[in-house]
Structure formats: C-alpha cells, structure tokens
Amino acid sequence: MSGRPHGGDLTVARRSPRLQPQILGELVNADPDLTLTPRTYFDEQCNAARVAERRYTHRDTLVRRLGRCDELLPRRVADAPVGSGAALHLLARRGPRGDG
C-alpha cells in the first residue's frame, strides 16, 4: 500500500481539509481554472465531449488539461474519481487556503 488515501473513499475527502493535499497532490495549488477541469469531468460522468461543450473548449484542449491534472495528482483522474471529485468540490467551496 502506498500510504495515500484510497481514491474511492469519499469520506476521506470529507473528514479533513488537511487530507485534500494527499488526495489532490499539487493540484491543490493549481490555478482554479485547471481544478475546474477535472471537477467538471466528474460532474459530467467522465464524458470528455460533454465537458468540452460545457467548458466551451475544444476536446483536444480538454484532454491536454486532464493530462496536466494527471501530472499534478498522486493518482490519475480516471483512477480515483470519487475521492478526487469530492476533494475538488470541497476545495472549491473552501478555497485553496481553506478560507471559504
């Protein structure tokens, strides 16, 4: 086991904002527009075409942004949708410094 929270454990993201960096890695400090990309991806049930339409962007651009998110996350976007999605939504509500 890697010592990281399991991506499928929704409660991990809820229990403590301090665990968000463990779930989201460097994505916690990323531009808010970049964090919106995987959040929208999860909201649209991992359908890239719908996300591209909703974000008014080309699908290839979306795929590149998701790839950048994969570089910043401890686990790929597709490998931990529940825990990452919950942590991203909490991050959006609280703000990156927990002040929201």
PDB file of N, CA and C in Angstrom:
ATOM      1  N   MET A   1       0.851  -1.189   0.000  1.00  0.00           N
ATOM      2  CA  MET A   1       0.000   0.000   0.000  1.00  0.00           C
ATOM      3  C   MET A   1       0.883   1.234   0.000  1.00  0.00           C
ATOM      4  N   SER A   2       0.466   2.275  -0.695  1.00  0.00           N
ATOM      5  CA  SER A   2       1.305   3.456  -0.907  1.00  0.00           C
ATOM      6  C   SER A   2       1.255   4.471   0.220  1.00  0.00           C
ATOM      7  N   GLY A   3       0.364   4.326   1.169  1.00  0.00           N
ATOM      8  CA  GLY A   3       0.251   5.310   2.229  1.00  0.00           C
ATOM      9  C   GLY A   3      -0.660   6.464   1.883  1.00  0.00           C
ATOM     10  N   ARG A   4      -1.160   6.492   0.658  1.00  0.00           N
ATOM     11  CA  ARG A   4      -2.078   7.541   0.233  1.00  0.00           C
ATOM     12  C   ARG A   4      -3.499   7.070   0.469  1.00  0.00           C
ATOM     13  N   PRO A   5      -4.432   7.988   0.705  1.00  0.00           N
ATOM     14  CA  PRO A   5      -5.821   7.593   0.856  1.00  0.00           C
ATOM     15  C   PRO A   5      -6.319   6.941  -0.422  1.00  0.00           C
ATOM     16  N   HIS A   6      -7.182   5.977  -0.264  1.00  0.00           N
ATOM     17  CA  HIS A   6      -7.787   5.300  -1.411  1.00  0.00           C
ATOM     18  C   HIS A   6      -8.665   6.285  -2.152  1.00  0.00           C
ATOM     19  N   GLY A   7      -8.502   6.366  -3.467  1.00  0.00           N
ATOM     20  CA  GLY A   7      -9.239   7.323  -4.285  1.00  0.00           C
ATOM     21  C   GLY A   7     -10.735   7.137  -4.226  1.00  0.00           C
ATOM     22  N   GLY A   8     -11.215   5.935  -3.922  1.00  0.00           N
ATOM     23  CA  GLY A   8     -12.641   5.681  -3.888  1.00  0.00           C
ATOM     24  C   GLY A   8     -13.282   5.984  -2.548  1.00  0.00           C
ATOM     25  N   ASP A   9     -12.532   6.430  -1.576  1.00  0.00           N
ATOM     26  CA  ASP A   9     -13.080   6.665  -0.245  1.00  0.00           C
ATOM     27  C   ASP A   9     -13.554   8.106  -0.120  1.00  0.00           C
ATOM     28  N   LEU A  10     -14.845   8.294  -0.347  1.00  0.00           N
ATOM     29  CA  LEU A  10     -15.456   9.617  -0.291  1.00  0.00           C
ATOM     30  C   LEU A  10     -15.287  10.247   1.083  1.00  0.00           C
ATOM     31  N   THR A  11     -15.337   9.452   2.142  1.00  0.00           N
ATOM     32  CA  THR A  11     -15.254  10.015   3.488  1.00  0.00           C
ATOM     33  C   THR A  11     -13.887  10.615   3.775  1.00  0.00           C
ATOM     34  N   VAL A  12     -12.849  10.145   3.119  1.00  0.00           N
ATOM     35  CA  VAL A  12     -11.511  10.697   3.341  1.00  0.00           C
ATOM     36  C   VAL A  12     -11.495  12.177   3.003  1.00  0.00           C
ATOM     37  N   ALA A  13     -12.118  12.531   1.889  1.00  0.00           N
ATOM     38  CA  ALA A  13     -12.139  13.930   1.468  1.00  0.00           C
ATOM     39  C   ALA A  13     -12.979  14.783   2.394  1.00  0.00           C
ATOM     40  N   ARG A  14     -14.011  14.206   2.971  1.00  0.00           N
ATOM     41  CA  ARG A  14     -14.909  14.969   3.845  1.00  0.00           C
ATOM     42  C   ARG A  14     -14.340  15.198   5.241  1.00  0.00           C
ATOM     43  N   ARG A  15     -13.598  14.249   5.738  1.00  0.00           N
ATOM     44  CA  ARG A  15     -13.184  14.282   7.143  1.00  0.00           C
ATOM     45  C   ARG A  15     -12.256  15.425   7.483  1.00  0.00           C
ATOM     46  N   SER A  16     -11.341  15.731   6.604  1.00  0.00           N
ATOM     47  CA  SER A  16     -10.353  16.734   6.966  1.00  0.00           C
ATOM     48  C   SER A  16      -9.819  17.454   5.741  1.00  0.00           C
ATOM     49  N   PRO A  17      -9.899  18.784   5.746  1.00  0.00           N
ATOM     50  CA  PRO A  17      -9.298  19.532   4.646  1.00  0.00           C
ATOM     51  C   PRO A  17      -7.797  19.288   4.536  1.00  0.00           C
ATOM     52  N   ARG A  18      -7.165  18.883   5.638  1.00  0.00           N
ATOM     53  CA  ARG A  18      -5.729  18.601   5.600  1.00  0.00           C
ATOM     54  C   ARG A  18      -5.420  17.384   4.742  1.00  0.00           C
ATOM     55  N   LEU A  19      -6.395  16.521   4.534  1.00  0.00           N
ATOM     56  CA  LEU A  19      -6.174  15.355   3.692  1.00  0.00           C
ATOM     57  C   LEU A  19      -6.311  15.678   2.205  1.00  0.00           C
ATOM     58  N   GLN A  20      -6.887  16.839   1.889  1.00  0.00           N
ATOM     59  CA  GLN A  20      -7.052  17.197   0.483  1.00  0.00           C
ATOM     60  C   GLN A  20      -5.726  17.185  -0.270  1.00  0.00           C
ATOM     61  N   PRO A  21      -4.628  17.723   0.279  1.00  0.00           N
ATOM     62  CA  PRO A  21      -3.365  17.648  -0.452  1.00  0.00           C
ATOM     63  C   PRO A  21      -2.912  16.208  -0.703  1.00  0.00           C
ATOM     64  N   GLN A  22      -3.222  15.292   0.205  1.00  0.00           N
ATOM     65  CA  GLN A  22      -2.852  13.899  -0.003  1.00  0.00           C
ATOM     66  C   GLN A  22      -3.654  13.290  -1.143  1.00  0.00           C
ATOM     67  N   ILE A  23      -4.882  13.732  -1.312  1.00  0.00           N
ATOM     68  CA  ILE A  23      -5.736  13.223  -2.381  1.00  0.00           C
ATOM     69  C   ILE A  23      -5.453  13.943  -3.690  1.00  0.00           C
ATOM     70  N   LEU A  24      -5.259  15.260  -3.606  1.00  0.00           N
ATOM     71  CA  LEU A  24      -5.132  16.082  -4.807  1.00  0.00           C
ATOM     72  C   LEU A  24      -3.692  16.422  -5.175  1.00  0.00           C
ATOM     73  N   GLY A  25      -2.741  16.140  -4.320  1.00  0.00           N
ATOM     74  CA  GLY A  25      -1.347  16.433  -4.622  1.00  0.00           C
ATOM     75  C   GLY A  25      -1.139  17.907  -4.922  1.00  0.00           C
ATOM     76  N   GLU A  26      -0.357  18.195  -5.938  1.00  0.00           N
ATOM     77  CA  GLU A  26      -0.042  19.576  -6.313  1.00  0.00           C
ATOM     78  C   GLU A  26      -1.219  20.292  -6.965  1.00  0.00           C
ATOM     79  N   LEU A  27      -2.267  19.564  -7.307  1.00  0.00           N
ATOM     80  CA  LEU A  27      -3.437  20.202  -7.906  1.00  0.00           C
ATOM     81  C   LEU A  27      -4.093  21.170  -6.916  1.00  0.00           C
ATOM     82  N   VAL A  28      -3.859  20.969  -5.621  1.00  0.00           N
ATOM     83  CA  VAL A  28      -4.389  21.877  -4.591  1.00  0.00           C
ATOM     84  C   VAL A  28      -3.912  23.301  -4.834  1.00  0.00           C
ATOM     85  N   ASN A  29      -2.688  23.455  -5.320  1.00  0.00           N
ATOM     86  CA  ASN A  29      -2.095  24.779  -5.525  1.00  0.00           C
ATOM     87  C   ASN A  29      -2.225  25.279  -6.961  1.00  0.00           C
ATOM     88  N   ALA A  30      -2.912  24.521  -7.804  1.00  0.00           N
ATOM     89  CA  ALA A  30      -3.025  24.883  -9.219  1.00  0.00           C
ATOM     90  C   ALA A  30      -4.025  26.015  -9.422  1.00  0.00           C
ATOM     91  N   ASP A  31      -3.960  26.599 -10.587  1.00  0.00           N
ATOM     92  CA  ASP A  31      -4.906  27.633 -10.990  1.00  0.00           C
ATOM     93  C   ASP A  31      -6.339  27.102 -10.854  1.00  0.00           C
ATOM     94  N   PRO A  32      -7.245  27.890 -10.298  1.00  0.00           N
ATOM     95  CA  PRO A  32      -8.621  27.432 -10.121  1.00  0.00           C
ATOM     96  C   PRO A  32      -9.282  26.971 -11.417  1.00  0.00           C
ATOM     97  N   ASP A  33      -8.893  27.565 -12.539  1.00  0.00           N
ATOM     98  CA  ASP A  33      -9.458  27.134 -13.813  1.00  0.00           C
ATOM     99  C   ASP A  33      -9.041  25.703 -14.139  1.00  0.00           C
ATOM    100  N   LEU A  34      -7.812  25.350 -13.778  1.00  0.00           N
ATOM    101  CA  LEU A  34      -7.350  23.982 -14.014  1.00  0.00           C
ATOM    102  C   LEU A  34      -8.086  22.999 -13.113  1.00  0.00           C
ATOM    103  N   THR A  35      -8.336  23.367 -11.861  1.00  0.00           N
ATOM    104  CA  THR A  35      -9.059  22.457 -10.966  1.00  0.00           C
ATOM    105  C   THR A  35     -10.517  22.292 -11.392  1.00  0.00           C
ATOM    106  N   LEU A  36     -11.041  23.277 -12.094  1.00  0.00           N
ATOM    107  CA  LEU A  36     -12.412  23.170 -12.593  1.00  0.00           C
ATOM    108  C   LEU A  36     -12.533  22.097 -13.670  1.00  0.00           C
ATOM    109  N   THR A  37     -11.457  21.840 -14.393  1.00  0.00           N
ATOM    110  CA  THR A  37     -11.495  20.856 -15.477  1.00  0.00           C
ATOM    111  C   THR A  37     -11.834  19.453 -14.967  1.00  0.00           C
ATOM    112  N   PRO A  38     -11.083  18.873 -14.020  1.00  0.00           N
ATOM    113  CA  PRO A  38     -11.473  17.530 -13.565  1.00  0.00           C
ATOM    114  C   PRO A  38     -12.795  17.526 -12.790  1.00  0.00           C
ATOM    115  N   ARG A  39     -13.081  18.620 -12.093  1.00  0.00           N
ATOM    116  CA  ARG A  39     -14.355  18.689 -11.363  1.00  0.00           C
ATOM    117  C   ARG A  39     -15.519  18.597 -12.340  1.00  0.00           C
ATOM    118  N   THR A  40     -15.431  19.338 -13.442  1.00  0.00           N
ATOM    119  CA  THR A  40     -16.471  19.278 -14.471  1.00  0.00           C
ATOM    120  C   THR A  40     -16.484  17.903 -15.126  1.00  0.00           C
ATOM    121  N   TYR A  41     -15.320  17.317 -15.311  1.00  0.00           N
ATOM    122  CA  TYR A  41     -15.199  15.974 -15.887  1.00  0.00           C
ATOM    123  C   TYR A  41     -15.958  14.961 -15.022  1.00  0.00           C
ATOM    124  N   PHE A  42     -15.793  15.053 -13.721  1.00  0.00           N
ATOM    125  CA  PHE A  42     -16.518  14.143 -12.821  1.00  0.00           C
ATOM    126  C   PHE A  42     -18.011  14.442 -12.844  1.00  0.00           C
ATOM    127  N   ASP A  43     -18.369  15.715 -12.843  1.00  0.00           N
ATOM    128  CA  ASP A  43     -19.787  16.103 -12.876  1.00  0.00           C
ATOM    129  C   ASP A  43     -20.485  15.566 -14.120  1.00  0.00           C
ATOM    130  N   GLU A  44     -19.746  15.516 -15.216  1.00  0.00           N
ATOM    131  CA  GLU A  44     -20.304  15.036 -16.483  1.00  0.00           C
ATOM    132  C   GLU A  44     -20.049  13.547 -16.697  1.00  0.00           C
ATOM    133  N   GLN A  45     -19.812  12.835 -15.610  1.00  0.00           N
ATOM    134  CA  GLN A  45     -19.636  11.377 -15.612  1.00  0.00           C
ATOM    135  C   GLN A  45     -18.525  10.929 -16.564  1.00  0.00           C
ATOM    136  N   CYS A  46     -17.429  11.671 -16.537  1.00  0.00           N
ATOM    137  CA  CYS A  46     -16.209  11.353 -17.295  1.00  0.00           C
ATOM    138  C   CYS A  46     -16.430  11.326 -18.807  1.00  0.00           C
ATOM    139  N   ASN A  47     -17.341  12.153 -19.289  1.00  0.00           N
ATOM    140  CA  ASN A  47     -17.615  12.258 -20.713  1.00  0.00           C
ATOM    141  C   ASN A  47     -16.921  13.508 -21.251  1.00  0.00           C
ATOM    142  N   ALA A  48     -15.795  13.294 -21.932  1.00  0.00           N
ATOM    143  CA  ALA A  48     -14.967  14.409 -22.393  1.00  0.00           C
ATOM    144  C   ALA A  48     -15.700  15.315 -23.379  1.00  0.00           C
ATOM    145  N   ALA A  49     -16.508  14.748 -24.241  1.00  0.00           N
ATOM    146  CA  ALA A  49     -17.230  15.566 -25.229  1.00  0.00           C
ATOM    147  C   ALA A  49     -18.202  16.526 -24.537  1.00  0.00           C
ATOM    148  N   ARG A  50     -18.914  16.044 -23.521  1.00  0.00           N
ATOM    149  CA  ARG A  50     -19.840  16.927 -22.791  1.00  0.00           C
ATOM    150  C   ARG A  50     -19.094  17.996 -22.016  1.00  0.00           C
ATOM    151  N   VAL A  51     -17.967  17.631 -21.442  1.00  0.00           N
ATOM    152  CA  VAL A  51     -17.177  18.613 -20.689  1.00  0.00           C
ATOM    153  C   VAL A  51     -16.665  19.699 -21.625  1.00  0.00           C
ATOM    154  N   ALA A  52     -16.153  19.305 -22.779  1.00  0.00           N
ATOM    155  CA  ALA A  52     -15.641  20.282 -23.742  1.00  0.00           C
ATOM    156  C   ALA A  52     -16.754  21.241 -24.155  1.00  0.00           C
ATOM    157  N   GLU A  53     -17.934  20.713 -24.392  1.00  0.00           N
ATOM    158  CA  GLU A  53     -19.067  21.567 -24.761  1.00  0.00           C
ATOM    159  C   GLU A  53     -19.446  22.497 -23.603  1.00  0.00           C
ATOM    160  N   ARG A  54     -19.500  21.957 -22.420  1.00  0.00           N
ATOM    161  CA  ARG A  54     -19.883  22.757 -21.244  1.00  0.00           C
ATOM    162  C   ARG A  54     -18.852  23.840 -20.932  1.00  0.00           C
ATOM    163  N   ARG A  55     -17.570  23.539 -21.151  1.00  0.00           N
ATOM    164  CA  ARG A  55     -16.496  24.491 -20.861  1.00  0.00           C
ATOM    165  C   ARG A  55     -16.169  25.377 -22.061  1.00  0.00           C
ATOM    166  N   TYR A  56     -16.897  25.197 -23.158  1.00  0.00           N
ATOM    167  CA  TYR A  56     -16.655  25.988 -24.380  1.00  0.00           C
ATOM    168  C   TYR A  56     -15.205  25.885 -24.834  1.00  0.00           C
ATOM    169  N   THR A  57     -14.725  24.657 -24.906  1.00  0.00           N
ATOM    170  CA  THR A  57     -13.346  24.428 -25.317  1.00  0.00           C
ATOM    171  C   THR A  57     -13.292  23.239 -26.260  1.00  0.00           C
ATOM    172  N   HIS A  58     -12.221  23.134 -27.016  1.00  0.00           N
ATOM    173  CA  HIS A  58     -12.037  22.007 -27.922  1.00  0.00           C
ATOM    174  C   HIS A  58     -11.717  20.760 -27.102  1.00  0.00           C
ATOM    175  N   ARG A  59     -12.181  19.622 -27.563  1.00  0.00           N
ATOM    176  CA  ARG A  59     -11.965  18.372 -26.842  1.00  0.00           C
ATOM    177  C   ARG A  59     -10.471  18.092 -26.648  1.00  0.00           C
ATOM    178  N   ASP A  60      -9.644  18.385 -27.652  1.00  0.00           N
ATOM    179  CA  ASP A  60      -8.194  18.160 -27.518  1.00  0.00           C
ATOM    180  C   ASP A  60      -7.600  19.018 -26.402  1.00  0.00           C
ATOM    181  N   THR A  61      -8.084  20.240 -26.267  1.00  0.00           N
ATOM    182  CA  THR A  61      -7.633  21.126 -25.188  1.00  0.00           C
ATOM    183  C   THR A  61      -8.011  20.525 -23.840  1.00  0.00           C
ATOM    184  N   LEU A  62      -9.225  20.023 -23.757  1.00  0.00           N
ATOM    185  CA  LEU A  62      -9.681  19.384 -22.519  1.00  0.00           C
ATOM    186  C   LEU A  62      -8.800  18.184 -22.175  1.00  0.00           C
ATOM    187  N   VAL A  63      -8.506  17.367 -23.152  1.00  0.00           N
ATOM    188  CA  VAL A  63      -7.676  16.185 -22.919  1.00  0.00           C
ATOM    189  C   VAL A  63      -6.283  16.606 -22.433  1.00  0.00           C
ATOM    190  N   ARG A  64      -5.718  17.672 -22.994  1.00  0.00           N
ATOM    191  CA  ARG A  64      -4.416  18.182 -22.522  1.00  0.00           C
ATOM    192  C   ARG A  64      -4.519  18.671 -21.076  1.00  0.00           C
ATOM    193  N   ARG A  65      -5.590  19.367 -20.756  1.00  0.00           N
ATOM    194  CA  ARG A  65      -5.763  19.852 -19.374  1.00  0.00           C
ATOM    195  C   ARG A  65      -5.891  18.684 -18.400  1.00  0.00           C
ATOM    196  N   LEU A  66      -6.641  17.665 -18.780  1.00  0.00           N
ATOM    197  CA  LEU A  66      -6.765  16.482 -17.923  1.00  0.00           C
ATOM    198  C   LEU A  66      -5.405  15.800 -17.764  1.00  0.00           C
ATOM    199  N   GLY A  67      -4.617  15.797 -18.822  1.00  0.00           N
ATOM    200  CA  GLY A  67      -3.266  15.247 -18.739  1.00  0.00           C
ATOM    201  C   GLY A  67      -2.396  16.032 -17.773  1.00  0.00           C
ATOM    202  N   ARG A  68      -2.538  17.346 -17.791  1.00  0.00           N
ATOM    203  CA  ARG A  68      -1.797  18.191 -16.831  1.00  0.00           C
ATOM    204  C   ARG A  68      -2.244  17.884 -15.404  1.00  0.00           C
ATOM    205  N   CYS A  69      -3.541  17.681 -15.222  1.00  0.00           N
ATOM    206  CA  CYS A  69      -4.061  17.309 -13.896  1.00  0.00           C
ATOM    207  C   CYS A  69      -3.473  15.980 -13.450  1.00  0.00           C
ATOM    208  N   ASP A  70      -3.378  15.025 -14.367  1.00  0.00           N
ATOM    209  CA  ASP A  70      -2.778  13.728 -14.043  1.00  0.00           C
ATOM    210  C   ASP A  70      -1.342  13.888 -13.550  1.00  0.00           C
ATOM    211  N   GLU A  71      -0.611  14.845 -14.125  1.00  0.00           N
ATOM    212  CA  GLU A  71       0.767  15.094 -13.688  1.00  0.00           C
ATOM    213  C   GLU A  71       0.811  15.630 -12.263  1.00  0.00           C
ATOM    214  N   LEU A  72      -0.192  16.393 -11.869  1.00  0.00           N
ATOM    215  CA  LEU A  72      -0.212  17.029 -10.549  1.00  0.00           C
ATOM    216  C   LEU A  72      -0.830  16.153  -9.467  1.00  0.00           C
ATOM    217  N   LEU A  73      -1.709  15.239  -9.864  1.00  0.00           N
ATOM    218  CA  LEU A  73      -2.395  14.368  -8.912  1.00  0.00           C
ATOM    219  C   LEU A  73      -1.529  13.168  -8.535  1.00  0.00           C
ATOM    220  N   PRO A  74      -1.676  12.664  -7.299  1.00  0.00           N
ATOM    221  CA  PRO A  74      -0.974  11.438  -6.926  1.00  0.00           C
ATOM    222  C   PRO A  74      -1.451  10.232  -7.737  1.00  0.00           C
ATOM    223  N   ARG A  75      -2.715  10.261  -8.156  1.00  0.00           N
ATOM    224  CA  ARG A  75      -3.305   9.206  -8.988  1.00  0.00           C
ATOM    225  C   ARG A  75      -3.960   9.853 -10.188  1.00  0.00           C
ATOM    226  N   ARG A  76      -4.024   9.104 -11.285  1.00  0.00           N
ATOM    227  CA  ARG A  76      -4.659   9.633 -12.485  1.00  0.00           C
ATOM    228  C   ARG A  76      -6.120   9.993 -12.206  1.00  0.00           C
ATOM    229  N   VAL A  77      -6.635  10.974 -12.925  1.00  0.00           N
ATOM    230  CA  VAL A  77      -8.021  11.427 -12.786  1.00  0.00           C
ATOM    231  C   VAL A  77      -8.977  10.242 -12.887  1.00  0.00           C
ATOM    232  N   ALA A  78      -8.763   9.385 -13.857  1.00  0.00           N
ATOM    233  CA  ALA A  78      -9.667   8.257 -14.089  1.00  0.00           C
ATOM    234  C   ALA A  78      -9.567   7.178 -13.013  1.00  0.00           C
ATOM    235  N   ASP A  79      -8.466   7.137 -12.271  1.00  0.00           N
ATOM    236  CA  ASP A  79      -8.266   6.087 -11.275  1.00  0.00           C
ATOM    237  C   ASP A  79      -8.889   6.388  -9.918  1.00  0.00           C
ATOM    238  N   ALA A  80      -9.220   7.629  -9.645  1.00  0.00           N
ATOM    239  CA  ALA A  80      -9.732   7.999  -8.318  1.00  0.00           C
ATOM    240  C   ALA A  80     -10.847   9.024  -8.433  1.00  0.00           C
ATOM    241  N   PRO A  81     -11.899   8.730  -9.191  1.00  0.00           N
ATOM    242  CA  PRO A  81     -12.913   9.766  -9.426  1.00  0.00           C
ATOM    243  C   PRO A  81     -13.711  10.169  -8.188  1.00  0.00           C
ATOM    244  N   VAL A  82     -14.027   9.257  -7.309  1.00  0.00           N
ATOM    245  CA  VAL A  82     -14.887   9.601  -6.172  1.00  0.00           C
ATOM    246  C   VAL A  82     -14.151  10.452  -5.150  1.00  0.00           C
ATOM    247  N   GLY A  83     -13.007   9.968  -4.685  1.00  0.00           N
ATOM    248  CA  GLY A  83     -12.251  10.736  -3.689  1.00  0.00           C
ATOM    249  C   GLY A  83     -11.750  12.053  -4.242  1.00  0.00           C
ATOM    250  N   SER A  84     -11.231  12.027  -5.458  1.00  0.00           N
ATOM    251  CA  SER A  84     -10.730  13.259  -6.080  1.00  0.00           C
ATOM    252  C   SER A  84     -11.861  14.241  -6.346  1.00  0.00           C
ATOM    253  N   GLY A  85     -12.977  13.733  -6.836  1.00  0.00           N
ATOM    254  CA  GLY A  85     -14.126  14.606  -7.116  1.00  0.00           C
ATOM    255  C   GLY A  85     -14.643  15.272  -5.856  1.00  0.00           C
ATOM    256  N   ALA A  86     -14.753  14.501  -4.792  1.00  0.00           N
ATOM    257  CA  ALA A  86     -15.221  15.070  -3.523  1.00  0.00           C
ATOM    258  C   ALA A  86     -14.240  16.107  -3.002  1.00  0.00           C
ATOM    259  N   ALA A  87     -12.953  15.798  -3.060  1.00  0.00           N
ATOM    260  CA  ALA A  87     -11.946  16.744  -2.585  1.00  0.00           C
ATOM    261  C   ALA A  87     -11.943  18.016  -3.420  1.00  0.00           C
ATOM    262  N   LEU A  88     -12.122  17.893  -4.737  1.00  0.00           N
ATOM    263  CA  LEU A  88     -12.169  19.073  -5.608  1.00  0.00           C
ATOM    264  C   LEU A  88     -13.371  19.953  -5.297  1.00  0.00           C
ATOM    265  N   HIS A  89     -14.512  19.335  -5.040  1.00  0.00           N
ATOM    266  CA  HIS A  89     -15.698  20.126  -4.703  1.00  0.00           C
ATOM    267  C   HIS A  89     -15.525  20.825  -3.355  1.00  0.00           C
ATOM    268  N   LEU A  90     -14.924  20.132  -2.390  1.00  0.00           N
ATOM    269  CA  LEU A  90     -14.665  20.771  -1.096  1.00  0.00           C
ATOM    270  C   LEU A  90     -13.644  21.895  -1.239  1.00  0.00           C
ATOM    271  N   LEU A  91     -12.630  21.671  -2.055  1.00  0.00           N
ATOM    272  CA  LEU A  91     -11.624  22.711  -2.297  1.00  0.00           C
ATOM    273  C   LEU A  91     -12.270  23.950  -2.909  1.00  0.00           C
ATOM    274  N   ALA A  92     -13.180  23.747  -3.840  1.00  0.00           N
ATOM    275  CA  ALA A  92     -13.862  24.869  -4.478  1.00  0.00           C
ATOM    276  C   ALA A  92     -14.710  25.641  -3.474  1.00  0.00           C
ATOM    277  N   ARG A  93     -15.317  24.934  -2.544  1.00  0.00           N
ATOM    278  CA  ARG A  93     -16.147  25.611  -1.533  1.00  0.00           C
ATOM    279  C   ARG A  93     -15.313  26.346  -0.505  1.00  0.00           C
ATOM    280  N   ARG A  94     -14.183  25.762  -0.141  1.00  0.00           N
ATOM    281  CA  ARG A  94     -13.349  26.353   0.914  1.00  0.00           C
ATOM    282  C   ARG A  94     -12.307  27.306   0.379  1.00  0.00           C
ATOM    283  N   GLY A  95     -11.968  27.165  -0.870  1.00  0.00           N
ATOM    284  CA  GLY A  95     -10.851  27.935  -1.428  1.00  0.00           C
ATOM    285  C   GLY A  95      -9.560  27.193  -1.166  1.00  0.00           C
ATOM    286  N   PRO A  96      -8.513  27.492  -1.898  1.00  0.00           N
ATOM    287  CA  PRO A  96      -7.263  26.751  -1.780  1.00  0.00           C
ATOM    288  C   PRO A  96      -6.606  26.868  -0.405  1.00  0.00           C
ATOM    289  N   ARG A  97      -6.907  27.912   0.328  1.00  0.00           N
ATOM    290  CA  ARG A  97      -6.311  28.069   1.660  1.00  0.00           C
ATOM    291  C   ARG A  97      -7.291  27.722   2.781  1.00  0.00           C
ATOM    292  N   GLY A  98      -8.435  27.160   2.418  1.00  0.00           N
ATOM    293  CA  GLY A  98      -9.396  26.766   3.432  1.00  0.00           C
ATOM    294  C   GLY A  98     -10.175  27.922   4.012  1.00  0.00           C
ATOM    295  N   ASP A  99     -10.268  29.051   3.286  1.00  0.00           N
ATOM    296  CA  ASP A  99     -10.910  30.231   3.844  1.00  0.00           C
ATOM    297  C   ASP A  99     -12.306  30.493   3.315  1.00  0.00           C
ATOM    298  N   GLY A 100     -12.882  29.528   2.605  1.00  0.00           N
ATOM    299  CA  GLY A 100     -14.198  29.764   2.008  1.00  0.00           C
ATOM    300  C   GLY A 100     -15.355  29.353   2.795  1.00  0.00           C
TER     301      GLY A 100
END
